[in-house]
C-alpha atoms as a PDB file:
ATOM      1  CA  UNK A   1       0.000   0.000   0.000  1.00  0.00           C
ATOM      2  CA  UNK A   2       1.423   3.388  -0.900  1.00  0.00           C
ATOM      3  CA  UNK A   3       1.522   6.392   1.416  1.00  0.00           C
ATOM      4  CA  UNK A   4      -1.451   8.122  -0.222  1.00  0.00           C
ATOM      5  CA  UNK A   5      -3.728   5.101   0.237  1.00  0.00           C
ATOM      6  CA  UNK A   6      -2.593   4.673   3.842  1.00  0.00           C
ATOM      7  CA  UNK A   7      -3.258   8.354   4.508  1.00  0.00           C
ATOM      8  CA  UNK A   8      -6.763   8.131   3.013  1.00  0.00           C
ATOM      9  CA  UNK A   9      -7.539   4.980   5.015  1.00  0.00           C
ATOM     10  CA  UNK A  10      -6.361   6.604   8.254  1.00  0.00           C
ATOM     11  CA  UNK A  11      -8.366   9.756   7.524  1.00  0.00           C
ATOM     12  CA  UNK A  12     -11.528   7.736   6.863  1.00  0.00           C
ATOM     13  CA  UNK A  13     -10.958   5.752  10.047  1.00  0.00           C
ATOM     14  CA  UNK A  14     -10.443   8.924  12.078  1.00  0.00           C
ATOM     15  CA  UNK A  15     -13.593  10.527  10.647  1.00  0.00           C
ATOM     16  CA  UNK A  16     -15.589   7.405  11.503  1.00  0.00           C
ATOM     17  CA  UNK A  17     -14.286   7.510  15.079  1.00  0.00           C
ATOM     18  CA  UNK A  18     -15.122  11.219  15.357  1.00  0.00           C
ATOM     19  CA  UNK A  19     -18.629  10.646  13.987  1.00  0.00           C
ATOM     20  CA  UNK A  20     -19.191   7.754  16.414  1.00  0.00           C
ATOM     21  CA  UNK A  21     -18.017   9.865  19.367  1.00  0.00           C
ATOM     22  CA  UNK A  22     -20.272  12.738  18.284  1.00  0.00           C
ATOM     23  CA  UNK A  23     -23.290  10.424  18.203  1.00  0.00           C
ATOM     24  CA  UNK A  24     -22.463   9.133  21.693  1.00  0.00           C
ATOM     25  CA  UNK A  25     -21.774  12.546  23.234  1.00  0.00           C
ATOM     26  CA  UNK A  26     -24.346  14.586  21.318  1.00  0.00           C
ATOM     27  CA  UNK A  27     -21.690  17.133  20.354  1.00  0.00           C
ATOM     28  CA  UNK A  28     -21.335  18.580  16.880  1.00  0.00           C
ATOM     29  CA  UNK A  29     -18.223  17.562  14.975  1.00  0.00           C
ATOM     30  CA  UNK A  30     -16.665  21.010  15.321  1.00  0.00           C
ATOM     31  CA  UNK A  31     -17.370  21.117  19.069  1.00  0.00           C
ATOM     32  CA  UNK A  32     -15.898  17.653  19.556  1.00  0.00           C
ATOM     33  CA  UNK A  33     -12.748  18.521  17.579  1.00  0.00           C
ATOM     34  CA  UNK A  34     -12.395  21.789  19.485  1.00  0.00           C
ATOM     35  CA  UNK A  35     -12.669  19.886  22.781  1.00  0.00           C
ATOM     36  CA  UNK A  36      -9.901  17.482  21.718  1.00  0.00           C
ATOM     37  CA  UNK A  37      -7.663  20.323  20.525  1.00  0.00           C
ATOM     38  CA  UNK A  38      -8.110  22.179  23.810  1.00  0.00           C
ATOM     39  CA  UNK A  39      -7.007  19.067  25.716  1.00  0.00           C
ATOM     40  CA  UNK A  40      -3.793  18.625  23.742  1.00  0.00           C
ATOM     41  CA  UNK A  41      -2.933  22.118  22.488  1.00  0.00           C
ATOM     42  CA  UNK A  42      -2.012  24.890  24.879  1.00  0.00           C
ATOM     43  CA  UNK A  43      -1.678  28.285  23.144  1.00  0.00           C
ATOM     44  CA  UNK A  44       1.561  30.111  23.889  1.00  0.00           C
ATOM     45  CA  UNK A  45      -0.023  33.533  23.737  1.00  0.00           C
ATOM     46  CA  UNK A  46      -3.282  35.406  23.284  1.00  0.00           C
ATOM     47  CA  UNK A  47      -2.842  35.680  19.503  1.00  0.00           C
ATOM     48  CA  UNK A  48      -2.959  31.892  19.132  1.00  0.00           C
ATOM     49  CA  UNK A  49      -6.005  31.760  21.401  1.00  0.00           C
ATOM     50  CA  UNK A  50      -7.753  34.301  19.158  1.00  0.00           C
ATOM     51  CA  UNK A  51      -6.924  32.200  16.092  1.00  0.00           C
ATOM     52  CA  UNK A  52      -8.461  29.119  17.722  1.00  0.00           C
ATOM     53  CA  UNK A  53     -11.615  31.046  18.612  1.00  0.00           C
ATOM     54  CA  UNK A  54     -11.895  32.482  15.094  1.00  0.00           C
ATOM     55  CA  UNK A  55     -11.622  28.980  13.622  1.00  0.00           C
ATOM     56  CA  UNK A  56     -14.684  27.870  15.573  1.00  0.00           C
END
């Protein structure tokens, strides 16, 4: 399997997991992804925080 096919398979698998979690939690996809990002990504300054908020 080449890298492109592996990447597509992993992306599809990740999207399925996200969709399943959203159904279980009742969160929208964007809210769920934002929650995960907040757990693992700590902004270094206020500018990065503003960028995260604008993306939502």
